[in-house]
């Protein structure tokens, strides 16, 4: 029987600490911890995706900025995926690992709503995976032209009202997902 997996994207120190941390960062991490705990309890795999740059870049593997925040719970059985572009599937083993585990549905959360979360959700949709974004567990930072809360709100609207394949990306709050996917 096909299953569901949780994909946590780019919840890393560089984006969740410092002078301009991600919008609602602490609340997002707390919610991700609740989501991943429920997934593990239901024997659903959890994938942590980390963005990385070359050895001289700001997200060099192993650097402080590249690390997961201490508040984010990651267990040994959770999978790690390392990427160098926004799309978590591009030149990574993510799609193969999902197939090997007979996963046909993904629940996506993390950073940055308009970039890596969006690119990964759209690719998941194109790959034929039933794709759900956790409406209250993706985040970003303020941009010169738009505040982070408006970017999050806008992305939820875009996902709910557009499709690349006819199978829309679903947008559901954490409470709903906990009651249905991992109850």
N, C-alpha and C. Protein backbone atom coordinates (compact mmCIF):
# COMPACT_ATOMS: atom_id res chain seq x y z
N UNK A 1 0.85 -1.19 0.00
CA UNK A 1 0.00 0.00 0.00
C UNK A 1 0.89 1.25 0.00
N UNK A 2 0.73 2.13 -0.99
CA UNK A 2 1.55 3.35 -1.04
C UNK A 2 1.37 4.20 0.21
N UNK A 3 2.38 4.98 0.49
CA UNK A 3 2.35 5.76 1.72
C UNK A 3 2.66 7.22 1.52
N UNK A 4 2.81 7.88 2.66
CA UNK A 4 3.06 9.31 2.71
C UNK A 4 4.39 9.55 3.41
N UNK A 5 5.09 10.59 2.99
CA UNK A 5 6.35 11.00 3.62
C UNK A 5 6.28 12.50 3.91
N UNK A 6 7.05 12.91 4.89
CA UNK A 6 7.20 14.33 5.21
C UNK A 6 8.55 14.81 4.70
N UNK A 7 8.54 15.96 4.02
CA UNK A 7 9.77 16.58 3.53
C UNK A 7 9.92 17.95 4.21
N UNK A 8 10.99 18.11 4.97
CA UNK A 8 11.31 19.36 5.67
C UNK A 8 12.45 20.02 4.90
N UNK A 9 12.19 21.21 4.37
CA UNK A 9 13.13 21.86 3.47
C UNK A 9 13.86 23.04 4.13
N UNK A 10 15.17 22.99 4.11
CA UNK A 10 16.06 24.12 4.42
C UNK A 10 15.81 24.81 5.76
N UNK A 11 15.41 24.05 6.76
CA UNK A 11 15.31 24.63 8.10
C UNK A 11 16.73 24.57 8.66
N UNK A 12 17.48 25.65 8.41
CA UNK A 12 18.90 25.71 8.72
C UNK A 12 19.22 26.99 9.47
N UNK A 13 20.31 26.93 10.22
CA UNK A 13 20.71 28.06 11.06
C UNK A 13 20.76 29.38 10.31
N UNK A 14 21.29 29.38 9.10
CA UNK A 14 21.44 30.63 8.35
C UNK A 14 20.12 31.37 8.19
N UNK A 15 19.04 30.62 8.08
CA UNK A 15 17.74 31.22 7.81
C UNK A 15 16.89 31.44 9.07
N UNK A 16 17.24 30.77 10.16
CA UNK A 16 16.41 30.81 11.36
C UNK A 16 17.09 31.49 12.55
N UNK A 17 18.23 32.13 12.31
CA UNK A 17 18.91 32.86 13.38
C UNK A 17 19.51 34.13 12.80
N UNK A 18 20.19 34.87 13.64
CA UNK A 18 20.85 36.09 13.17
C UNK A 18 19.96 37.30 13.19
N UNK A 19 20.39 38.36 12.51
CA UNK A 19 19.68 39.64 12.59
C UNK A 19 18.32 39.64 11.88
N UNK A 20 18.10 38.76 10.91
CA UNK A 20 16.80 38.74 10.25
C UNK A 20 16.33 37.29 10.07
N UNK A 21 15.91 36.67 11.17
CA UNK A 21 15.48 35.26 11.09
C UNK A 21 14.16 35.12 10.34
N UNK A 22 13.89 33.91 9.91
CA UNK A 22 12.66 33.61 9.18
C UNK A 22 11.42 34.04 9.97
N UNK A 23 10.45 34.52 9.25
CA UNK A 23 9.15 34.92 9.81
C UNK A 23 8.54 33.74 10.58
N UNK A 24 8.13 33.98 11.82
CA UNK A 24 7.51 32.96 12.69
C UNK A 24 8.40 31.73 12.85
N UNK A 25 9.70 31.93 12.79
CA UNK A 25 10.64 30.80 12.80
C UNK A 25 10.44 29.83 13.94
N UNK A 26 10.33 30.34 15.17
CA UNK A 26 10.17 29.44 16.32
C UNK A 26 8.87 28.65 16.23
N UNK A 27 7.79 29.30 15.82
CA UNK A 27 6.49 28.62 15.70
C UNK A 27 6.54 27.57 14.58
N UNK A 28 7.23 27.89 13.49
CA UNK A 28 7.35 26.94 12.38
C UNK A 28 8.14 25.71 12.84
N UNK A 29 9.25 25.91 13.53
CA UNK A 29 10.04 24.77 14.02
C UNK A 29 9.23 23.94 15.00
N UNK A 30 8.52 24.58 15.91
CA UNK A 30 7.68 23.84 16.86
C UNK A 30 6.63 23.00 16.12
N UNK A 31 6.00 23.58 15.11
CA UNK A 31 5.00 22.85 14.34
C UNK A 31 5.61 21.71 13.55
N UNK A 32 6.80 21.94 12.97
CA UNK A 32 7.49 20.87 12.25
C UNK A 32 7.80 19.72 13.19
N UNK A 33 8.22 20.03 14.40
CA UNK A 33 8.50 18.97 15.38
C UNK A 33 7.24 18.16 15.68
N UNK A 34 6.11 18.81 15.79
CA UNK A 34 4.84 18.10 16.01
C UNK A 34 4.49 17.23 14.80
N UNK A 35 4.66 17.78 13.60
CA UNK A 35 4.36 17.05 12.37
C UNK A 35 5.26 15.82 12.23
N UNK A 36 6.56 16.00 12.40
CA UNK A 36 7.48 14.88 12.21
C UNK A 36 7.30 13.82 13.30
N UNK A 37 6.98 14.22 14.52
CA UNK A 37 6.72 13.24 15.59
C UNK A 37 5.50 12.39 15.22
N UNK A 38 4.45 13.03 14.71
CA UNK A 38 3.25 12.29 14.30
C UNK A 38 3.56 11.37 13.12
N UNK A 39 4.36 11.83 12.19
CA UNK A 39 4.73 11.01 11.03
C UNK A 39 5.51 9.78 11.49
N UNK A 40 6.49 9.99 12.35
CA UNK A 40 7.29 8.85 12.84
C UNK A 40 6.41 7.84 13.57
N UNK A 41 5.50 8.34 14.38
CA UNK A 41 4.59 7.46 15.13
C UNK A 41 3.75 6.62 14.18
N UNK A 42 3.42 7.18 13.01
CA UNK A 42 2.62 6.48 11.99
C UNK A 42 3.52 5.69 11.02
N UNK A 43 4.81 5.59 11.34
CA UNK A 43 5.78 4.89 10.48
C UNK A 43 5.92 5.50 9.09
N UNK A 44 5.72 6.80 9.00
CA UNK A 44 5.91 7.52 7.74
C UNK A 44 7.33 8.09 7.74
N UNK A 45 8.05 7.95 6.64
CA UNK A 45 9.42 8.47 6.61
C UNK A 45 9.46 10.00 6.64
N UNK A 46 10.54 10.49 7.21
CA UNK A 46 10.78 11.94 7.31
C UNK A 46 12.11 12.22 6.61
N UNK A 47 12.08 13.21 5.71
CA UNK A 47 13.27 13.62 4.96
C UNK A 47 13.63 15.05 5.35
N UNK A 48 14.87 15.26 5.75
CA UNK A 48 15.37 16.61 6.02
C UNK A 48 16.26 17.00 4.85
N UNK A 49 15.88 18.07 4.16
CA UNK A 49 16.63 18.58 3.03
C UNK A 49 17.44 19.78 3.51
N UNK A 50 18.72 19.80 3.16
CA UNK A 50 19.57 20.92 3.49
C UNK A 50 20.21 21.47 2.23
N UNK A 51 20.13 22.80 2.10
CA UNK A 51 20.78 23.47 0.98
C UNK A 51 22.25 23.62 1.32
N UNK A 52 23.10 23.45 0.32
CA UNK A 52 24.52 23.66 0.57
C UNK A 52 25.19 24.33 -0.61
N UNK A 53 26.21 25.08 -0.28
CA UNK A 53 27.00 25.76 -1.30
C UNK A 53 28.37 25.09 -1.37
N UNK A 54 29.24 25.60 -2.22
CA UNK A 54 30.58 25.03 -2.27
C UNK A 54 31.33 25.37 -0.98
N UNK A 55 32.54 24.86 -0.86
CA UNK A 55 33.29 24.99 0.39
C UNK A 55 33.51 26.42 0.83
N UNK A 56 33.49 27.37 -0.09
CA UNK A 56 33.72 28.78 0.26
C UNK A 56 32.42 29.57 0.43
N UNK A 57 31.28 28.93 0.19
CA UNK A 57 30.01 29.63 0.25
C UNK A 57 29.43 29.71 1.65
N UNK A 58 28.36 30.47 1.80
CA UNK A 58 27.77 30.68 3.12
C UNK A 58 27.12 29.42 3.71
N UNK A 59 26.77 28.45 2.88
CA UNK A 59 26.14 27.22 3.37
C UNK A 59 27.03 26.00 3.08
N UNK A 60 28.32 26.15 3.30
CA UNK A 60 29.24 25.03 3.12
C UNK A 60 28.87 23.91 4.08
N UNK A 61 28.86 22.67 3.58
CA UNK A 61 28.48 21.53 4.42
C UNK A 61 29.34 21.51 5.68
N UNK A 62 28.66 21.37 6.81
CA UNK A 62 29.34 21.32 8.09
C UNK A 62 29.50 22.66 8.77
N UNK A 63 29.29 23.77 8.04
CA UNK A 63 29.42 25.10 8.64
C UNK A 63 28.29 25.34 9.62
N UNK A 64 28.48 26.34 10.50
CA UNK A 64 27.43 26.68 11.46
C UNK A 64 26.14 27.07 10.75
N UNK A 65 26.25 27.86 9.68
CA UNK A 65 25.06 28.32 8.95
C UNK A 65 24.30 27.16 8.33
N UNK A 66 24.99 26.11 7.92
CA UNK A 66 24.41 24.93 7.25
C UNK A 66 23.66 24.02 8.22
N UNK A 67 24.00 24.04 9.49
CA UNK A 67 23.44 23.13 10.49
C UNK A 67 21.93 23.34 10.67
N UNK A 68 21.28 22.29 11.16
CA UNK A 68 19.88 22.41 11.57
C UNK A 68 19.84 23.14 12.91
N UNK A 69 18.82 23.96 13.16
CA UNK A 69 18.72 24.62 14.47
C UNK A 69 18.59 23.59 15.60
N UNK A 70 19.14 23.90 16.75
CA UNK A 70 19.09 22.98 17.89
C UNK A 70 17.66 22.62 18.27
N UNK A 71 16.72 23.52 18.07
CA UNK A 71 15.32 23.28 18.46
C UNK A 71 14.61 22.30 17.52
N UNK A 72 15.17 22.05 16.35
CA UNK A 72 14.54 21.16 15.37
C UNK A 72 14.91 19.71 15.72
N UNK A 73 13.90 18.88 15.92
CA UNK A 73 14.13 17.48 16.29
C UNK A 73 14.36 16.65 15.03
N UNK A 74 15.53 16.04 14.95
CA UNK A 74 15.85 15.12 13.87
C UNK A 74 16.31 13.83 14.50
N UNK A 75 15.70 12.73 14.10
CA UNK A 75 16.05 11.44 14.67
C UNK A 75 16.95 10.67 13.70
N UNK A 76 17.68 9.71 14.23
CA UNK A 76 18.66 8.98 13.44
C UNK A 76 18.06 8.29 12.23
N UNK A 77 16.82 7.81 12.34
CA UNK A 77 16.18 7.10 11.22
C UNK A 77 15.72 8.05 10.11
N UNK A 78 15.68 9.35 10.37
CA UNK A 78 15.27 10.32 9.36
C UNK A 78 16.32 10.39 8.25
N UNK A 79 15.85 10.58 7.04
CA UNK A 79 16.75 10.65 5.88
C UNK A 79 17.27 12.08 5.69
N UNK A 80 18.48 12.18 5.16
CA UNK A 80 19.08 13.47 4.83
C UNK A 80 19.25 13.56 3.31
N UNK A 81 18.85 14.70 2.78
CA UNK A 81 19.00 15.00 1.36
C UNK A 81 19.74 16.33 1.28
N UNK A 82 20.77 16.39 0.42
CA UNK A 82 21.56 17.60 0.26
C UNK A 82 21.39 18.11 -1.16
N UNK A 83 21.07 19.42 -1.28
CA UNK A 83 20.79 20.00 -2.59
C UNK A 83 21.60 21.27 -2.80
N UNK A 84 21.69 21.68 -4.06
CA UNK A 84 22.43 22.90 -4.37
C UNK A 84 21.59 23.91 -5.14
N UNK A 85 20.33 23.56 -5.42
CA UNK A 85 19.39 24.47 -6.08
C UNK A 85 18.06 24.40 -5.32
N UNK A 86 17.10 25.21 -5.72
CA UNK A 86 15.84 25.27 -5.00
C UNK A 86 15.05 23.97 -4.98
N UNK A 87 15.02 23.25 -6.08
CA UNK A 87 14.25 22.03 -6.21
C UNK A 87 14.94 20.87 -5.48
N UNK A 88 14.29 20.35 -4.45
CA UNK A 88 14.87 19.28 -3.64
C UNK A 88 15.04 17.97 -4.39
N UNK A 89 14.44 17.85 -5.56
CA UNK A 89 14.56 16.64 -6.37
C UNK A 89 15.71 16.71 -7.38
N UNK A 90 16.13 17.93 -7.72
CA UNK A 90 17.12 18.12 -8.79
C UNK A 90 18.48 17.56 -8.39
N UNK A 91 18.92 16.54 -9.12
CA UNK A 91 20.22 15.91 -8.89
C UNK A 91 20.43 15.46 -7.45
N UNK A 92 19.35 14.97 -6.82
CA UNK A 92 19.43 14.37 -5.48
C UNK A 92 18.77 12.99 -5.55
N UNK A 93 18.95 12.17 -4.54
CA UNK A 93 18.32 10.85 -4.52
C UNK A 93 16.88 10.85 -3.99
N UNK A 94 16.28 12.02 -3.79
CA UNK A 94 14.97 12.08 -3.14
C UNK A 94 13.91 11.28 -3.89
N UNK A 95 13.75 11.47 -5.18
CA UNK A 95 12.70 10.76 -5.93
C UNK A 95 12.92 9.25 -5.85
N UNK A 96 14.15 8.81 -6.01
CA UNK A 96 14.45 7.38 -5.93
C UNK A 96 14.13 6.82 -4.55
N UNK A 97 14.49 7.54 -3.52
CA UNK A 97 14.22 7.06 -2.16
C UNK A 97 12.71 6.98 -1.89
N UNK A 98 11.96 7.94 -2.40
CA UNK A 98 10.50 7.88 -2.24
C UNK A 98 9.93 6.67 -2.97
N UNK A 99 10.39 6.45 -4.19
CA UNK A 99 9.93 5.28 -4.97
C UNK A 99 10.27 3.97 -4.27
N UNK A 100 11.48 3.87 -3.77
CA UNK A 100 11.92 2.64 -3.10
C UNK A 100 11.06 2.32 -1.87
N UNK A 101 10.51 3.37 -1.26
CA UNK A 101 9.67 3.17 -0.07
C UNK A 101 8.18 3.18 -0.42
N UNK A 102 7.88 3.14 -1.71
CA UNK A 102 6.49 3.09 -2.20
C UNK A 102 5.67 4.28 -1.69
N UNK A 103 6.28 5.46 -1.74
CA UNK A 103 5.62 6.71 -1.33
C UNK A 103 4.95 7.33 -2.55
N UNK A 104 3.67 7.65 -2.42
CA UNK A 104 2.96 8.33 -3.51
C UNK A 104 2.40 9.68 -3.08
N UNK A 105 2.65 10.07 -1.83
CA UNK A 105 2.11 11.31 -1.29
C UNK A 105 3.16 11.97 -0.40
N UNK A 106 3.34 13.29 -0.57
CA UNK A 106 4.30 14.01 0.26
C UNK A 106 3.63 15.20 0.95
N UNK A 107 4.10 15.45 2.16
CA UNK A 107 3.68 16.60 2.96
C UNK A 107 4.92 17.45 3.12
N UNK A 108 4.85 18.69 2.63
CA UNK A 108 6.03 19.56 2.54
C UNK A 108 5.90 20.76 3.47
N UNK A 109 7.03 21.10 4.10
CA UNK A 109 7.10 22.28 4.96
C UNK A 109 8.53 22.81 4.92
N UNK A 110 8.75 24.00 5.48
CA UNK A 110 10.10 24.52 5.59
C UNK A 110 10.29 25.92 5.06
N UNK A 111 11.48 26.16 4.52
CA UNK A 111 11.95 27.48 4.10
C UNK A 111 12.47 27.36 2.67
N UNK A 112 12.35 28.28 1.85
CA UNK A 112 11.65 29.53 1.75
C UNK A 112 10.41 29.32 0.88
N UNK A 113 9.31 29.82 1.36
CA UNK A 113 8.01 29.61 0.73
C UNK A 113 8.04 29.80 -0.77
N UNK A 114 8.57 30.94 -1.21
CA UNK A 114 8.50 31.33 -2.62
C UNK A 114 9.63 30.74 -3.46
N UNK A 115 10.59 30.13 -2.84
CA UNK A 115 11.72 29.57 -3.57
C UNK A 115 11.75 28.05 -3.44
N UNK A 116 12.47 27.55 -2.46
CA UNK A 116 12.71 26.10 -2.37
C UNK A 116 11.45 25.29 -2.07
N UNK A 117 10.58 25.80 -1.23
CA UNK A 117 9.33 25.07 -0.95
C UNK A 117 8.48 25.02 -2.22
N UNK A 118 8.35 26.14 -2.89
CA UNK A 118 7.57 26.18 -4.13
C UNK A 118 8.18 25.28 -5.21
N UNK A 119 9.49 25.38 -5.43
CA UNK A 119 10.14 24.58 -6.47
C UNK A 119 9.97 23.09 -6.19
N UNK A 120 10.10 22.69 -4.95
CA UNK A 120 9.97 21.27 -4.59
C UNK A 120 8.54 20.81 -4.73
N UNK A 121 7.58 21.62 -4.32
CA UNK A 121 6.16 21.25 -4.45
C UNK A 121 5.77 21.09 -5.91
N UNK A 122 6.21 22.01 -6.74
CA UNK A 122 5.88 21.93 -8.17
C UNK A 122 6.52 20.70 -8.80
N UNK A 123 7.75 20.39 -8.43
CA UNK A 123 8.41 19.21 -8.99
C UNK A 123 7.71 17.93 -8.51
N UNK A 124 7.34 17.90 -7.23
CA UNK A 124 6.62 16.73 -6.70
C UNK A 124 5.33 16.51 -7.50
N UNK A 125 4.61 17.60 -7.77
CA UNK A 125 3.39 17.52 -8.56
C UNK A 125 3.69 16.97 -9.95
N UNK A 126 4.75 17.47 -10.58
CA UNK A 126 5.12 17.00 -11.92
C UNK A 126 5.54 15.52 -11.92
N UNK A 127 6.07 15.05 -10.80
CA UNK A 127 6.46 13.65 -10.68
C UNK A 127 5.27 12.73 -10.39
N UNK A 128 4.09 13.32 -10.24
CA UNK A 128 2.89 12.52 -9.99
C UNK A 128 2.63 12.20 -8.54
N UNK A 129 3.35 12.86 -7.64
CA UNK A 129 3.11 12.65 -6.22
C UNK A 129 1.95 13.51 -5.75
N UNK A 130 1.08 12.94 -4.92
CA UNK A 130 0.05 13.76 -4.28
C UNK A 130 0.80 14.67 -3.31
N UNK A 131 0.62 15.97 -3.50
CA UNK A 131 1.47 16.94 -2.82
C UNK A 131 0.64 17.86 -1.94
N UNK A 132 1.03 17.93 -0.66
CA UNK A 132 0.37 18.81 0.30
C UNK A 132 1.42 19.72 0.93
N UNK A 133 1.11 21.01 0.96
CA UNK A 133 1.91 22.00 1.68
C UNK A 133 1.22 22.24 3.01
N UNK A 134 2.01 22.27 4.09
CA UNK A 134 1.44 22.61 5.39
C UNK A 134 1.35 24.13 5.45
N UNK A 135 0.12 24.65 5.38
CA UNK A 135 -0.13 26.09 5.22
C UNK A 135 0.56 26.95 6.27
N UNK A 136 0.67 26.45 7.49
CA UNK A 136 1.24 27.25 8.57
C UNK A 136 2.65 26.80 8.96
N UNK A 137 3.27 25.95 8.13
CA UNK A 137 4.63 25.49 8.44
C UNK A 137 5.61 25.73 7.31
N UNK A 138 5.39 26.77 6.51
CA UNK A 138 6.41 27.23 5.58
C UNK A 138 6.61 28.71 5.85
N UNK A 139 7.81 29.18 5.58
CA UNK A 139 8.15 30.54 5.97
C UNK A 139 9.20 31.11 5.03
N UNK A 140 9.48 32.38 5.22
CA UNK A 140 10.50 33.08 4.46
C UNK A 140 10.93 34.31 5.26
N UNK A 141 11.64 35.20 4.61
CA UNK A 141 12.05 36.46 5.23
C UNK A 141 11.46 37.60 4.41
N UNK A 142 11.37 38.79 5.03
CA UNK A 142 10.93 39.97 4.31
C UNK A 142 11.81 40.19 3.09
N UNK A 143 11.20 40.64 2.01
CA UNK A 143 11.92 41.02 0.80
C UNK A 143 11.72 42.52 0.59
N UNK A 144 12.55 43.16 -0.24
CA UNK A 144 12.40 44.61 -0.43
C UNK A 144 11.00 45.01 -0.90
N UNK A 145 10.34 44.16 -1.63
CA UNK A 145 9.05 44.51 -2.22
C UNK A 145 7.84 43.94 -1.48
N UNK A 146 8.05 43.02 -0.51
CA UNK A 146 6.91 42.37 0.14
C UNK A 146 7.33 41.76 1.47
N UNK A 147 6.48 41.95 2.48
CA UNK A 147 6.74 41.40 3.81
C UNK A 147 6.54 39.88 3.81
N UNK A 148 7.26 39.19 4.67
CA UNK A 148 7.23 37.72 4.74
C UNK A 148 5.82 37.17 4.94
N UNK A 149 5.02 37.79 5.80
CA UNK A 149 3.67 37.26 6.03
C UNK A 149 2.83 37.32 4.76
N UNK A 150 3.04 38.34 3.95
CA UNK A 150 2.30 38.45 2.67
C UNK A 150 2.82 37.44 1.64
N UNK A 151 4.11 37.16 1.68
CA UNK A 151 4.66 36.15 0.77
C UNK A 151 4.07 34.79 1.10
N UNK A 152 4.01 34.45 2.38
CA UNK A 152 3.43 33.17 2.81
C UNK A 152 1.96 33.10 2.38
N UNK A 153 1.22 34.16 2.65
CA UNK A 153 -0.19 34.22 2.26
C UNK A 153 -0.36 34.09 0.74
N UNK A 154 0.48 34.79 0.00
CA UNK A 154 0.41 34.74 -1.46
C UNK A 154 0.72 33.34 -1.99
N UNK A 155 1.77 32.71 -1.46
CA UNK A 155 2.12 31.36 -1.92
C UNK A 155 0.99 30.37 -1.64
N UNK A 156 0.36 30.46 -0.48
CA UNK A 156 -0.77 29.57 -0.19
C UNK A 156 -1.87 29.78 -1.23
N UNK A 157 -2.14 31.03 -1.59
CA UNK A 157 -3.15 31.33 -2.60
C UNK A 157 -2.76 30.75 -3.96
N UNK A 158 -1.51 30.95 -4.35
CA UNK A 158 -1.04 30.45 -5.65
C UNK A 158 -1.18 28.93 -5.71
N UNK A 159 -0.72 28.23 -4.68
CA UNK A 159 -0.81 26.77 -4.69
C UNK A 159 -2.25 26.29 -4.76
N UNK A 160 -3.13 26.99 -4.06
CA UNK A 160 -4.54 26.58 -4.04
C UNK A 160 -5.26 26.86 -5.36
N UNK A 161 -4.72 27.77 -6.15
CA UNK A 161 -5.44 28.24 -7.33
C UNK A 161 -4.72 28.04 -8.65
N UNK A 162 -3.71 27.18 -8.67
CA UNK A 162 -3.03 26.90 -9.93
C UNK A 162 -2.52 25.47 -9.91
N UNK A 163 -2.19 24.99 -11.09
CA UNK A 163 -1.69 23.63 -11.20
C UNK A 163 -0.80 23.53 -12.42
N UNK A 164 0.16 22.63 -12.35
CA UNK A 164 1.02 22.37 -13.49
C UNK A 164 0.59 21.11 -14.23
N UNK A 165 -0.23 20.29 -13.58
CA UNK A 165 -0.59 18.99 -14.16
C UNK A 165 -2.09 18.69 -14.11
N UNK A 166 -2.85 19.55 -13.47
CA UNK A 166 -4.26 19.26 -13.25
C UNK A 166 -4.50 18.67 -11.87
N UNK A 167 -3.44 18.22 -11.22
CA UNK A 167 -3.52 17.72 -9.84
C UNK A 167 -2.94 18.80 -8.95
N UNK A 168 -3.78 19.61 -8.40
CA UNK A 168 -3.31 20.76 -7.62
C UNK A 168 -2.53 20.35 -6.37
N UNK A 169 -1.62 21.20 -6.00
CA UNK A 169 -0.96 21.09 -4.71
C UNK A 169 -2.01 21.47 -3.67
N UNK A 170 -2.20 20.62 -2.68
CA UNK A 170 -3.15 20.92 -1.61
C UNK A 170 -2.45 21.77 -0.56
N UNK A 171 -3.20 22.66 0.06
CA UNK A 171 -2.68 23.51 1.12
C UNK A 171 -3.59 23.31 2.32
N UNK A 172 -3.01 22.73 3.39
CA UNK A 172 -3.81 22.40 4.57
C UNK A 172 -3.05 22.79 5.83
N UNK A 173 -3.75 23.25 6.86
CA UNK A 173 -3.08 23.60 8.11
C UNK A 173 -2.62 22.35 8.87
N UNK A 174 -1.64 22.53 9.73
CA UNK A 174 -1.09 21.44 10.51
C UNK A 174 -2.17 20.67 11.26
N UNK A 175 -3.08 21.37 11.92
CA UNK A 175 -4.12 20.69 12.72
C UNK A 175 -4.91 19.71 11.87
N UNK A 176 -5.24 20.10 10.65
CA UNK A 176 -5.99 19.22 9.74
C UNK A 176 -5.16 18.00 9.35
N UNK A 177 -3.91 18.21 9.06
CA UNK A 177 -3.02 17.11 8.65
C UNK A 177 -2.83 16.12 9.79
N UNK A 178 -2.66 16.63 11.00
CA UNK A 178 -2.48 15.75 12.17
C UNK A 178 -3.72 14.89 12.41
N UNK A 179 -4.89 15.43 12.11
CA UNK A 179 -6.15 14.69 12.32
C UNK A 179 -6.44 13.70 11.20
N UNK A 180 -5.84 13.87 10.04
CA UNK A 180 -6.19 13.00 8.91
C UNK A 180 -5.04 12.11 8.46
N UNK A 181 -3.89 12.69 8.12
CA UNK A 181 -2.78 11.94 7.58
C UNK A 181 -2.11 11.03 8.61
N UNK A 182 -1.96 11.55 9.83
CA UNK A 182 -1.18 10.82 10.83
C UNK A 182 -1.96 10.56 12.11
N UNK A 183 -3.27 10.42 11.98
CA UNK A 183 -4.11 10.21 13.18
C UNK A 183 -3.92 8.81 13.72
